[in-house]
Every structure is written in structure tokens, then in C-alpha cells.
Amino acid sequence: MEKAGLTGDVFEIHDPEEKDSIYFLLKDRSHEFTIGLSDVLECLKFAEEKGEVPELPEEWWYMLYGMYPQLSVHREIEKNNEEV
């Protein structure tokens, strides 16, 4: 699997239709593409749930849920798994 690296370029887009306002430019050998901050945070939440990174304070995640509601989906899935 080819890995992409950060180029160091960050774009700030103020568009209410977009789910993110900050995008990071990444590049592999033949492509350039962007990833939004919410996608990075979703990856972090997934890694936390899998035990790949230390657990972050719930208060920190609650602040982000207000800014990025799609992150709370992981929390709902986690709750449902605990109830089973």
C-alpha cells in the first residue's frame, strides 16, 4: 500500500455547504488530494476505540461533537456495543 504524506499546505474554506472548514493537502507518488479535519478526527476516534492511541478526555470529544456532529456517530455505536 502506497502511503501519502502531508505537503504542509492547509486550506481554510468558509462554505456552509462543506462539513469542514480546514483541509490538509496530501500527496503520494502520483496524486494530490485533500482530507478534511473531521476525517482526521474520525480516524483518531477510531484509533482510540481500537486502543491504538491513549484515550482522550470525554470533555474534549464533547466539545468536538458540537463542531463535528458526525463524530458522535462513533459514540452511539460504542454505546450500542456496550449494551449488547
PDB file of N, CA and C in Angstrom:
ATOM      1  N   MET A   1       0.848  -1.173   0.000  1.00  0.00           N
ATOM      2  CA  MET A   1       0.000   0.000   0.000  1.00  0.00           C
ATOM      3  C   MET A   1       0.896   1.239   0.000  1.00  0.00           C
ATOM      4  N   GLU A   2       0.624   2.115  -0.939  1.00  0.00           N
ATOM      5  CA  GLU A   2       1.395   3.351  -1.032  1.00  0.00           C
ATOM      6  C   GLU A   2       0.900   4.340   0.014  1.00  0.00           C
ATOM      7  N   LYS A   3       1.819   4.964   0.708  1.00  0.00           N
ATOM      8  CA  LYS A   3       1.455   5.940   1.737  1.00  0.00           C
ATOM      9  C   LYS A   3       1.524   7.345   1.167  1.00  0.00           C
ATOM     10  N   ALA A   4       0.637   8.180   1.664  1.00  0.00           N
ATOM     11  CA  ALA A   4       0.628   9.591   1.292  1.00  0.00           C
ATOM     12  C   ALA A   4       1.250  10.381   2.431  1.00  0.00           C
ATOM     13  N   GLY A   5       1.825  11.502   2.096  1.00  0.00           N
ATOM     14  CA  GLY A   5       2.415  12.367   3.103  1.00  0.00           C
ATOM     15  C   GLY A   5       1.832  13.761   3.032  1.00  0.00           C
ATOM     16  N   LEU A   6       1.916  14.438   4.152  1.00  0.00           N
ATOM     17  CA  LEU A   6       1.456  15.831   4.194  1.00  0.00           C
ATOM     18  C   LEU A   6       2.394  16.706   3.386  1.00  0.00           C
ATOM     19  N   THR A   7       1.835  17.642   2.662  1.00  0.00           N
ATOM     20  CA  THR A   7       2.658  18.585   1.904  1.00  0.00           C
ATOM     21  C   THR A   7       2.998  19.815   2.735  1.00  0.00           C
ATOM     22  N   GLY A   8       2.262  20.016   3.807  1.00  0.00           N
ATOM     23  CA  GLY A   8       2.424  21.216   4.618  1.00  0.00           C
ATOM     24  C   GLY A   8       1.428  22.301   4.257  1.00  0.00           C
ATOM     25  N   ASP A   9       0.652  22.057   3.211  1.00  0.00           N
ATOM     26  CA  ASP A   9      -0.354  23.032   2.789  1.00  0.00           C
ATOM     27  C   ASP A   9      -1.678  22.754   3.494  1.00  0.00           C
ATOM     28  N   VAL A  10      -2.277  23.805   4.018  1.00  0.00           N
ATOM     29  CA  VAL A  10      -3.571  23.719   4.684  1.00  0.00           C
ATOM     30  C   VAL A  10      -4.472  24.776   4.056  1.00  0.00           C
ATOM     31  N   PHE A  11      -5.702  24.365   3.746  1.00  0.00           N
ATOM     32  CA  PHE A  11      -6.664  25.271   3.121  1.00  0.00           C
ATOM     33  C   PHE A  11      -7.802  25.528   4.082  1.00  0.00           C
ATOM     34  N   GLU A  12      -8.164  26.780   4.193  1.00  0.00           N
ATOM     35  CA  GLU A  12      -9.314  27.152   5.011  1.00  0.00           C
ATOM     36  C   GLU A  12     -10.419  27.597   4.064  1.00  0.00           C
ATOM     37  N   ILE A  13     -11.557  26.904   4.135  1.00  0.00           N
ATOM     38  CA  ILE A  13     -12.680  27.181   3.241  1.00  0.00           C
ATOM     39  C   ILE A  13     -13.891  27.528   4.096  1.00  0.00           C
ATOM     40  N   HIS A  14     -14.443  28.684   3.878  1.00  0.00           N
ATOM     41  CA  HIS A  14     -15.626  29.109   4.620  1.00  0.00           C
ATOM     42  C   HIS A  14     -16.856  28.941   3.726  1.00  0.00           C
ATOM     43  N   ASP A  15     -17.397  27.725   3.731  1.00  0.00           N
ATOM     44  CA  ASP A  15     -18.559  27.406   2.922  1.00  0.00           C
ATOM     45  C   ASP A  15     -19.522  26.602   3.782  1.00  0.00           C
ATOM     46  N   PRO A  16     -20.698  27.135   4.069  1.00  0.00           N
ATOM     47  CA  PRO A  16     -21.646  26.425   4.937  1.00  0.00           C
ATOM     48  C   PRO A  16     -22.092  25.077   4.371  1.00  0.00           C
ATOM     49  N   GLU A  17     -21.915  24.860   3.075  1.00  0.00           N
ATOM     50  CA  GLU A  17     -22.291  23.590   2.459  1.00  0.00           C
ATOM     51  C   GLU A  17     -21.257  22.492   2.741  1.00  0.00           C
ATOM     52  N   GLU A  18     -20.055  22.890   3.116  1.00  0.00           N
ATOM     53  CA  GLU A  18     -18.979  21.930   3.391  1.00  0.00           C
ATOM     54  C   GLU A  18     -19.028  21.497   4.850  1.00  0.00           C
ATOM     55  N   LYS A  19     -18.684  20.235   5.119  1.00  0.00           N
ATOM     56  CA  LYS A  19     -18.681  19.759   6.503  1.00  0.00           C
ATOM     57  C   LYS A  19     -17.441  20.215   7.259  1.00  0.00           C
ATOM     58  N   ASP A  20     -16.415  20.620   6.536  1.00  0.00           N
ATOM     59  CA  ASP A  20     -15.174  21.080   7.154  1.00  0.00           C
ATOM     60  C   ASP A  20     -14.851  22.490   6.702  1.00  0.00           C
ATOM     61  N   SER A  21     -14.024  23.153   7.487  1.00  0.00           N
ATOM     62  CA  SER A  21     -13.512  24.450   7.053  1.00  0.00           C
ATOM     63  C   SER A  21     -12.003  24.390   6.868  1.00  0.00           C
ATOM     64  N   ILE A  22     -11.376  23.307   7.338  1.00  0.00           N
ATOM     65  CA  ILE A  22      -9.929  23.150   7.205  1.00  0.00           C
ATOM     66  C   ILE A  22      -9.643  21.827   6.496  1.00  0.00           C
ATOM     67  N   TYR A  23      -8.814  21.912   5.453  1.00  0.00           N
ATOM     68  CA  TYR A  23      -8.418  20.742   4.680  1.00  0.00           C
ATOM     69  C   TYR A  23      -6.900  20.692   4.587  1.00  0.00           C
ATOM     70  N   PHE A  24      -6.353  19.495   4.670  1.00  0.00           N
ATOM     71  CA  PHE A  24      -4.922  19.275   4.567  1.00  0.00           C
ATOM     72  C   PHE A  24      -4.621  18.650   3.210  1.00  0.00           C
ATOM     73  N   LEU A  25      -3.597  19.155   2.539  1.00  0.00           N
ATOM     74  CA  LEU A  25      -3.203  18.612   1.256  1.00  0.00           C
ATOM     75  C   LEU A  25      -2.194  17.485   1.483  1.00  0.00           C
ATOM     76  N   LEU A  26      -2.476  16.335   0.896  1.00  0.00           N
ATOM     77  CA  LEU A  26      -1.593  15.188   0.960  1.00  0.00           C
ATOM     78  C   LEU A  26      -1.163  14.819  -0.446  1.00  0.00           C
ATOM     79  N   LYS A  27      -0.055  14.087  -0.522  1.00  0.00           N
ATOM     80  CA  LYS A  27       0.465  13.708  -1.828  1.00  0.00           C
ATOM     81  C   LYS A  27       1.125  12.347  -1.734  1.00  0.00           C
ATOM     82  N   ASP A  28       0.846  11.491  -2.738  1.00  0.00           N
ATOM     83  CA  ASP A  28       1.602  10.260  -2.875  1.00  0.00           C
ATOM     84  C   ASP A  28       2.445  10.421  -4.143  1.00  0.00           C
ATOM     85  N   ARG A  29       2.937   9.342  -4.684  1.00  0.00           N
ATOM     86  CA  ARG A  29       3.826   9.463  -5.855  1.00  0.00           C
ATOM     87  C   ARG A  29       3.168  10.123  -7.056  1.00  0.00           C
ATOM     88  N   SER A  30       1.870   9.904  -7.222  1.00  0.00           N
ATOM     89  CA  SER A  30       1.239  10.400  -8.447  1.00  0.00           C
ATOM     90  C   SER A  30      -0.035  11.214  -8.241  1.00  0.00           C
ATOM     91  N   HIS A  31      -0.455  11.424  -7.001  1.00  0.00           N
ATOM     92  CA  HIS A  31      -1.708  12.135  -6.749  1.00  0.00           C
ATOM     93  C   HIS A  31      -1.552  13.161  -5.633  1.00  0.00           C
ATOM     94  N   GLU A  32      -2.326  14.218  -5.741  1.00  0.00           N
ATOM     95  CA  GLU A  32      -2.512  15.157  -4.642  1.00  0.00           C
ATOM     96  C   GLU A  32      -3.987  15.120  -4.286  1.00  0.00           C
ATOM     97  N   PHE A  33      -4.279  15.138  -2.989  1.00  0.00           N
ATOM     98  CA  PHE A  33      -5.671  15.121  -2.562  1.00  0.00           C
ATOM     99  C   PHE A  33      -5.772  15.769  -1.193  1.00  0.00           C
ATOM    100  N   THR A  34      -6.987  16.123  -0.818  1.00  0.00           N
ATOM    101  CA  THR A  34      -7.198  16.762   0.474  1.00  0.00           C
ATOM    102  C   THR A  34      -7.953  15.827   1.408  1.00  0.00           C
ATOM    103  N   ILE A  35      -7.755  16.072   2.693  1.00  0.00           N
ATOM    104  CA  ILE A  35      -8.522  15.389   3.726  1.00  0.00           C
ATOM    105  C   ILE A  35      -8.961  16.458   4.717  1.00  0.00           C
ATOM    106  N   GLY A  36     -10.232  16.412   5.067  1.00  0.00           N
ATOM    107  CA  GLY A  36     -10.778  17.411   5.982  1.00  0.00           C
ATOM    108  C   GLY A  36     -10.455  17.083   7.429  1.00  0.00           C
ATOM    109  N   LEU A  37     -10.478  18.101   8.255  1.00  0.00           N
ATOM    110  CA  LEU A  37     -10.194  17.921   9.674  1.00  0.00           C
ATOM    111  C   LEU A  37     -11.153  16.924  10.315  1.00  0.00           C
ATOM    112  N   SER A  38     -12.414  16.944   9.921  1.00  0.00           N
ATOM    113  CA  SER A  38     -13.361  16.000  10.524  1.00  0.00           C
ATOM    114  C   SER A  38     -12.989  14.555  10.197  1.00  0.00           C
ATOM    115  N   ASP A  39     -12.436  14.312   9.000  1.00  0.00           N
ATOM    116  CA  ASP A  39     -11.991  12.959   8.649  1.00  0.00           C
ATOM    117  C   ASP A  39     -10.802  12.543   9.512  1.00  0.00           C
ATOM    118  N   VAL A  40      -9.889  13.477   9.754  1.00  0.00           N
ATOM    119  CA  VAL A  40      -8.740  13.196  10.624  1.00  0.00           C
ATOM    120  C   VAL A  40      -9.226  12.857  12.038  1.00  0.00           C
ATOM    121  N   LEU A  41     -10.198  13.641  12.517  1.00  0.00           N
ATOM    122  CA  LEU A  41     -10.738  13.392  13.857  1.00  0.00           C
ATOM    123  C   LEU A  41     -11.479  12.058  13.919  1.00  0.00           C
ATOM    124  N   GLU A  42     -12.192  11.704  12.854  1.00  0.00           N
ATOM    125  CA  GLU A  42     -12.864  10.399  12.823  1.00  0.00           C
ATOM    126  C   GLU A  42     -11.844   9.269  12.881  1.00  0.00           C
ATOM    127  N   CYS A  43     -10.733   9.430  12.187  1.00  0.00           N
ATOM    128  CA  CYS A  43      -9.664   8.426  12.241  1.00  0.00           C
ATOM    129  C   CYS A  43      -9.075   8.334  13.642  1.00  0.00           C
ATOM    130  N   LEU A  44      -8.894   9.475  14.284  1.00  0.00           N
ATOM    131  CA  LEU A  44      -8.380   9.490  15.652  1.00  0.00           C
ATOM    132  C   LEU A  44      -9.341   8.792  16.602  1.00  0.00           C
ATOM    133  N   LYS A  45     -10.629   9.057  16.470  1.00  0.00           N
ATOM    134  CA  LYS A  45     -11.637   8.420  17.324  1.00  0.00           C
ATOM    135  C   LYS A  45     -11.630   6.907  17.104  1.00  0.00           C
ATOM    136  N   PHE A  46     -11.534   6.481  15.858  1.00  0.00           N
ATOM    137  CA  PHE A  46     -11.486   5.056  15.534  1.00  0.00           C
ATOM    138  C   PHE A  46     -10.247   4.412  16.167  1.00  0.00           C
ATOM    139  N   ALA A  47      -9.093   5.075  16.032  1.00  0.00           N
ATOM    140  CA  ALA A  47      -7.852   4.554  16.618  1.00  0.00           C
ATOM    141  C   ALA A  47      -7.956   4.477  18.141  1.00  0.00           C
ATOM    142  N   GLU A  48      -8.611   5.464  18.740  1.00  0.00           N
ATOM    143  CA  GLU A  48      -8.813   5.454  20.193  1.00  0.00           C
ATOM    144  C   GLU A  48      -9.678   4.263  20.595  1.00  0.00           C
ATOM    145  N   GLU A  49     -10.760   4.042  19.854  1.00  0.00           N
ATOM    146  CA  GLU A  49     -11.670   2.933  20.169  1.00  0.00           C
ATOM    147  C   GLU A  49     -10.993   1.576  20.021  1.00  0.00           C
ATOM    148  N   LYS A  50     -10.027   1.475  19.111  1.00  0.00           N
ATOM    149  CA  LYS A  50      -9.310   0.224  18.878  1.00  0.00           C
ATOM    150  C   LYS A  50      -8.106   0.071  19.808  1.00  0.00           C
ATOM    151  N   GLY A  51      -7.864   1.083  20.659  1.00  0.00           N
ATOM    152  CA  GLY A  51      -6.759   1.006  21.602  1.00  0.00           C
ATOM    153  C   GLY A  51      -5.400   1.316  20.998  1.00  0.00           C
ATOM    154  N   GLU A  52      -5.386   1.937  19.836  1.00  0.00           N
ATOM    155  CA  GLU A  52      -4.135   2.251  19.153  1.00  0.00           C
ATOM    156  C   GLU A  52      -3.501   3.551  19.656  1.00  0.00           C
ATOM    157  N   VAL A  53      -4.305   4.407  20.271  1.00  0.00           N
ATOM    158  CA  VAL A  53      -3.818   5.653  20.877  1.00  0.00           C
ATOM    159  C   VAL A  53      -4.434   5.753  22.264  1.00  0.00           C
ATOM    160  N   PRO A  54      -3.793   6.482  23.166  1.00  0.00           N
ATOM    161  CA  PRO A  54      -4.378   6.640  24.503  1.00  0.00           C
ATOM    162  C   PRO A  54      -5.749   7.310  24.446  1.00  0.00           C
ATOM    163  N   GLU A  55      -6.587   6.966  25.391  1.00  0.00           N
ATOM    164  CA  GLU A  55      -7.929   7.540  25.470  1.00  0.00           C
ATOM    165  C   GLU A  55      -7.837   9.031  25.756  1.00  0.00           C
ATOM    166  N   LEU A  56      -8.645   9.787  25.029  1.00  0.00           N
ATOM    167  CA  LEU A  56      -8.700  11.235  25.233  1.00  0.00           C
ATOM    168  C   LEU A  56      -9.859  11.561  26.163  1.00  0.00           C
ATOM    169  N   PRO A  57      -9.781  12.684  26.878  1.00  0.00           N
ATOM    170  CA  PRO A  57     -10.856  13.039  27.805  1.00  0.00           C
ATOM    171  C   PRO A  57     -12.199  13.206  27.094  1.00  0.00           C
ATOM    172  N   GLU A  58     -13.255  12.690  27.718  1.00  0.00           N
ATOM    173  CA  GLU A  58     -14.604  12.803  27.154  1.00  0.00           C
ATOM    174  C   GLU A  58     -14.991  14.265  26.929  1.00  0.00           C
ATOM    175  N   GLU A  59     -14.548  15.160  27.816  1.00  0.00           N
ATOM    176  CA  GLU A  59     -14.887  16.576  27.676  1.00  0.00           C
ATOM    177  C   GLU A  59     -14.372  17.120  26.350  1.00  0.00           C
ATOM    178  N   TRP A  60     -13.185  16.663  25.959  1.00  0.00           N
ATOM    179  CA  TRP A  60     -12.583  17.104  24.704  1.00  0.00           C
ATOM    180  C   TRP A  60     -13.443  16.650  23.536  1.00  0.00           C
ATOM    181  N   TRP A  61     -13.874  15.382  23.561  1.00  0.00           N
ATOM    182  CA  TRP A  61     -14.730  14.866  22.492  1.00  0.00           C
ATOM    183  C   TRP A  61     -16.082  15.582  22.488  1.00  0.00           C
ATOM    184  N   TYR A  62     -16.658  15.855  23.647  1.00  0.00           N
ATOM    185  CA  TYR A  62     -17.951  16.552  23.697  1.00  0.00           C
ATOM    186  C   TYR A  62     -17.862  17.920  23.026  1.00  0.00           C
ATOM    187  N   MET A  63     -16.766  18.637  23.229  1.00  0.00           N
ATOM    188  CA  MET A  63     -16.588  19.930  22.565  1.00  0.00           C
ATOM    189  C   MET A  63     -16.580  19.748  21.054  1.00  0.00           C
ATOM    190  N   LEU A  64     -15.925  18.689  20.582  1.00  0.00           N
ATOM    191  CA  LEU A  64     -15.842  18.448  19.150  1.00  0.00           C
ATOM    192  C   LEU A  64     -17.159  17.969  18.553  1.00  0.00           C
ATOM    193  N   TYR A  65     -17.977  17.248  19.342  1.00  0.00           N
ATOM    194  CA  TYR A  65     -19.268  16.779  18.838  1.00  0.00           C
ATOM    195  C   TYR A  65     -20.126  17.959  18.390  1.00  0.00           C
ATOM    196  N   GLY A  66     -20.027  19.090  19.101  1.00  0.00           N
ATOM    197  CA  GLY A  66     -20.789  20.267  18.725  1.00  0.00           C
ATOM    198  C   GLY A  66     -20.327  20.864  17.406  1.00  0.00           C
ATOM    199  N   MET A  67     -19.032  20.759  17.140  1.00  0.00           N
ATOM    200  CA  MET A  67     -18.462  21.312  15.911  1.00  0.00           C
ATOM    201  C   MET A  67     -18.538  20.333  14.746  1.00  0.00           C
ATOM    202  N   TYR A  68     -18.433  19.048  15.057  1.00  0.00           N
ATOM    203  CA  TYR A  68     -18.424  17.989  14.036  1.00  0.00           C
ATOM    204  C   TYR A  68     -19.386  16.891  14.471  1.00  0.00           C
ATOM    205  N   PRO A  69     -20.689  17.081  14.227  1.00  0.00           N
ATOM    206  CA  PRO A  69     -21.700  16.128  14.705  1.00  0.00           C
ATOM    207  C   PRO A  69     -21.481  14.690  14.234  1.00  0.00           C
ATOM    208  N   GLN A  70     -20.842  14.505  13.089  1.00  0.00           N
ATOM    209  CA  GLN A  70     -20.622  13.149  12.586  1.00  0.00           C
ATOM    210  C   GLN A  70     -19.733  12.333  13.518  1.00  0.00           C
ATOM    211  N   LEU A  71     -18.950  12.986  14.367  1.00  0.00           N
ATOM    212  CA  LEU A  71     -18.108  12.263  15.332  1.00  0.00           C
ATOM    213  C   LEU A  71     -18.953  11.547  16.376  1.00  0.00           C
ATOM    214  N   SER A  72     -20.112  12.096  16.690  1.00  0.00           N
ATOM    215  CA  SER A  72     -20.948  11.490  17.724  1.00  0.00           C
ATOM    216  C   SER A  72     -21.513  10.156  17.274  1.00  0.00           C
ATOM    217  N   VAL A  73     -21.471   9.870  15.969  1.00  0.00           N
ATOM    218  CA  VAL A  73     -21.929   8.573  15.463  1.00  0.00           C
ATOM    219  C   VAL A  73     -21.087   7.462  16.078  1.00  0.00           C
ATOM    220  N   HIS A  74     -19.787   7.684  16.185  1.00  0.00           N
ATOM    221  CA  HIS A  74     -18.908   6.691  16.811  1.00  0.00           C
ATOM    222  C   HIS A  74     -19.318   6.445  18.252  1.00  0.00           C
ATOM    223  N   ARG A  75     -19.691   7.501  18.936  1.00  0.00           N
ATOM    224  CA  ARG A  75     -20.111   7.372  20.334  1.00  0.00           C
ATOM    225  C   ARG A  75     -21.379   6.531  20.434  1.00  0.00           C
ATOM    226  N   GLU A  76     -22.344   6.745  19.531  1.00  0.00           N
ATOM    227  CA  GLU A  76     -23.587   5.971  19.538  1.00  0.00           C
ATOM    228  C   GLU A  76     -23.304   4.496  19.265  1.00  0.00           C
ATOM    229  N   ILE A  77     -22.419   4.210  18.320  1.00  0.00           N
ATOM    230  CA  ILE A  77     -22.057   2.828  18.015  1.00  0.00           C
ATOM    231  C   ILE A  77     -21.400   2.186  19.234  1.00  0.00           C
ATOM    232  N   GLU A  78     -20.514   2.935  19.875  1.00  0.00           N
ATOM    233  CA  GLU A  78     -19.814   2.445  21.066  1.00  0.00           C
ATOM    234  C   GLU A  78     -20.818   2.120  22.178  1.00  0.00           C
ATOM    235  N   LYS A  79     -21.784   3.009  22.402  1.00  0.00           N
ATOM    236  CA  LYS A  79     -22.813   2.788  23.426  1.00  0.00           C
ATOM    237  C   LYS A  79     -23.617   1.528  23.122  1.00  0.00           C
ATOM    238  N   ASN A  80     -24.027   1.393  21.860  1.00  0.00           N
ATOM    239  CA  ASN A  80     -24.820   0.233  21.463  1.00  0.00           C
ATOM    240  C   ASN A  80     -24.043  -1.062  21.648  1.00  0.00           C
ATOM    241  N   ASN A  81     -22.759  -1.067  21.363  1.00  0.00           N
ATOM    242  CA  ASN A  81     -21.933  -2.258  21.549  1.00  0.00           C
ATOM    243  C   ASN A  81     -21.798  -2.622  23.025  1.00  0.00           C
ATOM    244  N   GLU A  82     -21.741  -1.601  23.891  1.00  0.00           N
ATOM    245  CA  GLU A  82     -21.633  -1.850  25.335  1.00  0.00           C
ATOM    246  C   GLU A  82     -22.922  -2.441  25.889  1.00  0.00           C
ATOM    247  N   GLU A  83     -24.062  -2.075  25.297  1.00  0.00           N
ATOM    248  CA  GLU A  83     -25.353  -2.549  25.784  1.00  0.00           C
ATOM    249  C   GLU A  83     -25.626  -3.999  25.401  1.00  0.00           C
ATOM    250  N   VAL A  84     -24.963  -4.493  24.374  1.00  0.00           N
ATOM    251  CA  VAL A  84     -25.210  -5.862  23.885  1.00  0.00           C
ATOM    252  C   VAL A  84     -24.551  -6.882  24.771  1.00  0.00           C
TER     253      VAL A  84
END
